[in-house]
C-alpha atoms as a PDB file:
ATOM      1  CA  PRO A   1      48.120 143.987 121.237  1.00  0.00           C
ATOM      2  CA  ASP A   2      44.612 143.337 120.430  1.00  0.00           C
ATOM      3  CA  MET A   3      41.038 143.056 122.185  1.00  0.00           C
ATOM      4  CA  TYR A   4      40.334 139.093 121.382  1.00  0.00           C
ATOM      5  CA  PRO A   5      38.605 137.494 124.197  1.00  0.00           C
ATOM      6  CA  GLY A   6      41.202 135.908 126.553  1.00  0.00           C
ATOM      7  CA  ASN A   7      44.286 138.050 125.221  1.00  0.00           C
ATOM      8  CA  CYS A   8      44.288 139.956 128.725  1.00  0.00           C
ATOM      9  CA  TRP A   9      46.326 140.076 131.776  1.00  0.00           C
ATOM     10  CA  ALA A  10      44.636 137.963 134.056  1.00  0.00           C
ATOM     11  CA  PHE A  11      45.328 137.554 137.657  1.00  0.00           C
ATOM     12  CA  LYS A  12      43.977 135.032 140.365  1.00  0.00           C
ATOM     13  CA  GLY A  13      40.877 136.164 142.448  1.00  0.00           C
ATOM     14  CA  SER A  14      38.943 139.523 142.205  1.00  0.00           C
ATOM     15  CA  GLN A  15      41.694 141.735 143.863  1.00  0.00           C
ATOM     16  CA  GLY A  16      45.095 142.728 142.315  1.00  0.00           C
ATOM     17  CA  TYR A  17      47.107 145.621 141.508  1.00  0.00           C
ATOM     18  CA  LEU A  18      49.401 146.903 138.675  1.00  0.00           C
ATOM     19  CA  VAL A  19      52.182 149.622 138.890  1.00  0.00           C
ATOM     20  CA  ILE A  20      53.317 151.331 135.777  1.00  0.00           C
ATOM     21  CA  ARG A  21      55.963 153.618 134.846  1.00  0.00           C
ATOM     22  CA  LEU A  22      54.894 156.246 132.357  1.00  0.00           C
ATOM     23  CA  SER A  23      57.455 157.580 129.625  1.00  0.00           C
ATOM     24  CA  MET A  24      57.346 160.976 131.472  1.00  0.00           C
ATOM     25  CA  LYS A  25      56.050 162.610 134.391  1.00  0.00           C
ATOM     26  CA  ILE A  26      52.490 163.949 133.835  1.00  0.00           C
ATOM     27  CA  TYR A  27      49.573 165.579 135.812  1.00  0.00           C
ATOM     28  CA  PRO A  28      46.959 162.940 135.483  1.00  0.00           C
ATOM     29  CA  THR A  29      43.549 164.047 134.237  1.00  0.00           C
ATOM     30  CA  ALA A  30      41.762 160.896 133.368  1.00  0.00           C
ATOM     31  CA  PHE A  31      42.221 157.061 133.046  1.00  0.00           C
ATOM     32  CA  THR A  32      40.789 154.720 130.523  1.00  0.00           C
ATOM     33  CA  VAL A  33      39.595 151.038 131.073  1.00  0.00           C
ATOM     34  CA  GLU A  34      38.732 148.771 128.258  1.00  0.00           C
ATOM     35  CA  HIS A  35      37.309 145.201 128.338  1.00  0.00           C
ATOM     36  CA  VAL A  36      35.954 142.929 125.503  1.00  0.00           C
ATOM     37  CA  PRO A  37      32.214 143.581 125.005  1.00  0.00           C
ATOM     38  CA  LYS A  38      29.648 140.926 126.264  1.00  0.00           C
ATOM     39  CA  ALA A  39      28.684 140.307 122.660  1.00  0.00           C
ATOM     40  CA  LEU A  40      32.216 139.045 121.932  1.00  0.00           C
ATOM     41  CA  SER A  41      32.469 137.076 125.150  1.00  0.00           C
ATOM     42  CA  PRO A  42      32.355 133.222 124.529  1.00  0.00           C
ATOM     43  CA  ALA A  43      30.496 132.832 127.817  1.00  0.00           C
ATOM     44  CA  GLY A  44      28.096 135.717 126.932  1.00  0.00           C
ATOM     45  CA  ASN A  45      29.126 137.681 130.074  1.00  0.00           C
ATOM     46  CA  ILE A  46      32.128 139.564 131.324  1.00  0.00           C
ATOM     47  CA  THR A  47      32.117 138.586 134.995  1.00  0.00           C
ATOM     48  CA  SER A  48      35.969 138.522 134.841  1.00  0.00           C
ATOM     49  CA  ALA A  49      35.784 142.373 133.989  1.00  0.00           C
ATOM     50  CA  PRO A  50      37.182 144.765 136.716  1.00  0.00           C
ATOM     51  CA  ARG A  51      34.362 146.284 138.742  1.00  0.00           C
ATOM     52  CA  ASP A  52      35.564 148.469 141.605  1.00  0.00           C
ATOM     53  CA  PHE A  53      39.047 150.124 141.135  1.00  0.00           C
ATOM     54  CA  ALA A  54      41.115 152.985 142.380  1.00  0.00           C
ATOM     55  CA  VAL A  55      44.126 154.643 140.850  1.00  0.00           C
ATOM     56  CA  TYR A  56      46.978 156.180 142.926  1.00  0.00           C
ATOM     57  CA  GLY A  57      49.887 158.309 141.937  1.00  0.00           C
ATOM     58  CA  LEU A  58      53.124 157.172 143.146  1.00  0.00           C
ATOM     59  CA  ASP A  59      56.680 159.008 143.831  1.00  0.00           C
ATOM     60  CA  ASP A  60      58.593 155.771 143.405  1.00  0.00           C
ATOM     61  CA  GLU A  61      57.717 152.091 142.759  1.00  0.00           C
ATOM     62  CA  TYR A  62      58.503 151.434 146.511  1.00  0.00           C
ATOM     63  CA  GLN A  63      55.950 153.696 147.927  1.00  0.00           C
ATOM     64  CA  GLU A  64      53.304 151.594 149.635  1.00  0.00           C
ATOM     65  CA  GLU A  65      50.517 154.232 149.706  1.00  0.00           C
ATOM     66  CA  GLY A  66      50.441 156.783 147.137  1.00  0.00           C
ATOM     67  CA  LYS A  67      48.049 159.787 146.425  1.00  0.00           C
ATOM     68  CA  LEU A  68      44.507 158.731 145.681  1.00  0.00           C
ATOM     69  CA  LEU A  69      43.474 160.080 142.429  1.00  0.00           C
ATOM     70  CA  GLY A  70      40.097 158.605 142.234  1.00  0.00           C
ATOM     71  CA  GLN A  71      37.985 155.483 142.956  1.00  0.00           C
ATOM     72  CA  TYR A  72      35.606 154.155 140.277  1.00  0.00           C
ATOM     73  CA  VAL A  73      33.203 151.451 139.012  1.00  0.00           C
ATOM     74  CA  TYR A  74      33.694 149.937 135.449  1.00  0.00           C
ATOM     75  CA  ASP A  75      29.971 149.437 134.232  1.00  0.00           C
ATOM     76  CA  GLN A  76      29.715 145.918 132.660  1.00  0.00           C
ATOM     77  CA  ASP A  77      26.578 147.045 130.989  1.00  0.00           C
ATOM     78  CA  GLY A  78      28.340 150.247 129.566  1.00  0.00           C
ATOM     79  CA  GLU A  79      30.687 150.776 126.472  1.00  0.00           C
ATOM     80  CA  PRO A  80      33.754 148.552 126.280  1.00  0.00           C
ATOM     81  CA  LEU A  81      35.912 151.636 126.591  1.00  0.00           C
ATOM     82  CA  GLN A  82      35.157 153.829 129.503  1.00  0.00           C
ATOM     83  CA  MET A  83      36.885 157.103 130.637  1.00  0.00           C
ATOM     84  CA  PHE A  84      37.125 158.192 134.251  1.00  0.00           C
ATOM     85  CA  PRO A  85      38.191 161.770 135.094  1.00  0.00           C
ATOM     86  CA  VAL A  86      40.662 162.336 137.968  1.00  0.00           C
ATOM     87  CA  MET A  87      38.507 162.895 141.224  1.00  0.00           C
ATOM     88  CA  GLU A  88      41.333 164.219 143.330  1.00  0.00           C
ATOM     89  CA  ARG A  89      43.520 166.777 141.596  1.00  0.00           C
ATOM     90  CA  SER A  90      47.147 166.854 142.488  1.00  0.00           C
ATOM     91  CA  GLU A  91      49.825 169.585 142.462  1.00  0.00           C
ATOM     92  CA  THR A  92      52.243 166.769 142.021  1.00  0.00           C
ATOM     93  CA  ALA A  93      53.269 165.295 138.646  1.00  0.00           C
ATOM     94  CA  PHE A  94      53.680 161.490 138.601  1.00  0.00           C
ATOM     95  CA  GLN A  95      55.572 159.104 136.318  1.00  0.00           C
ATOM     96  CA  ILE A  96      54.426 155.943 138.407  1.00  0.00           C
ATOM     97  CA  VAL A  97      50.780 155.088 138.693  1.00  0.00           C
ATOM     98  CA  GLU A  98      49.203 152.189 140.594  1.00  0.00           C
ATOM     99  CA  LEU A  99      45.759 150.511 139.566  1.00  0.00           C
ATOM    100  CA  ARG A 100      44.326 148.772 142.254  1.00  0.00           C
ATOM    101  CA  ILE A 101      41.454 146.409 141.342  1.00  0.00           C
ATOM    102  CA  LEU A 102      39.339 145.981 144.383  1.00  0.00           C
ATOM    103  CA  SER A 103      36.637 143.602 142.990  1.00  0.00           C
ATOM    104  CA  ASN A 104      35.309 142.014 139.654  1.00  0.00           C
ATOM    105  CA  TRP A 105      31.796 141.429 138.229  1.00  0.00           C
ATOM    106  CA  GLY A 106      31.608 138.060 140.051  1.00  0.00           C
ATOM    107  CA  HIS A 107      34.056 135.676 138.500  1.00  0.00           C
ATOM    108  CA  ALA A 108      35.299 133.292 141.238  1.00  0.00           C
ATOM    109  CA  VAL A 109      38.651 132.317 139.906  1.00  0.00           C
ATOM    110  CA  TYR A 110      40.111 135.180 138.025  1.00  0.00           C
ATOM    111  CA  THR A 111      40.025 138.833 136.837  1.00  0.00           C
ATOM    112  CA  CYS A 112      40.870 140.091 133.371  1.00  0.00           C
ATOM    113  CA  LEU A 113      42.563 143.461 132.349  1.00  0.00           C
ATOM    114  CA  TYR A 114      42.722 144.215 128.933  1.00  0.00           C
ATOM    115  CA  ARG A 115      43.697 148.009 128.614  1.00  0.00           C
ATOM    116  CA  PHE A 116      44.408 150.628 131.032  1.00  0.00           C
ATOM    117  CA  ARG A 117      45.459 154.153 129.983  1.00  0.00           C
ATOM    118  CA  VAL A 118      46.669 157.151 131.746  1.00  0.00           C
ATOM    119  CA  HIS A 119      45.802 160.385 130.531  1.00  0.00           C
ATOM    120  CA  GLY A 120      47.328 163.964 131.517  1.00  0.00           C
ATOM    121  CA  GLU A 121      49.350 166.974 130.763  1.00  0.00           C
ATOM    122  CA  PRO A 122      53.034 166.570 130.585  1.00  0.00           C
ATOM    123  CA  ALA A 123      54.968 168.097 133.446  1.00  0.00           C
ATOM    124  CA  GLU A 124      57.701 170.692 132.533  1.00  0.00           C
END
C-alpha cells in the first residue's frame, strides 16, 4: 500500500518467483519495478533489491515454462521506479505473468519486492 522501508514482499535468499493473474488478458508492452531509494533505506543501501530478473507470460498458473518476455537488471543506483520494455514481443495475450528474481544486490538473507507492475494493451 505504500513505499515505507520494510513494507515489501520479502522472500528468503536471492532467488524467487511471483505469479500474478491480471484482471484481463493483455499484450504486455512493459514492466515496472519499484524499490525504496537508498536515501530512505535505514541501512543506507538497497542490497535487498532485485538485481537480475526475467518476466514470462503463462497460459495458465500450472505451466512450468512460459514465454520469455524479457530479462532485465534493476539498477540500484537508478531511479526508484524503473520501467523495462518487453524484449520478446508475443502474438499471444496473457492474463498470467511470472516474475522470476534471479539475483539481488548482495543481501545474504532475503530479497524485498516493493512494487511490480505489468503494462500492456487489452486483448479484444
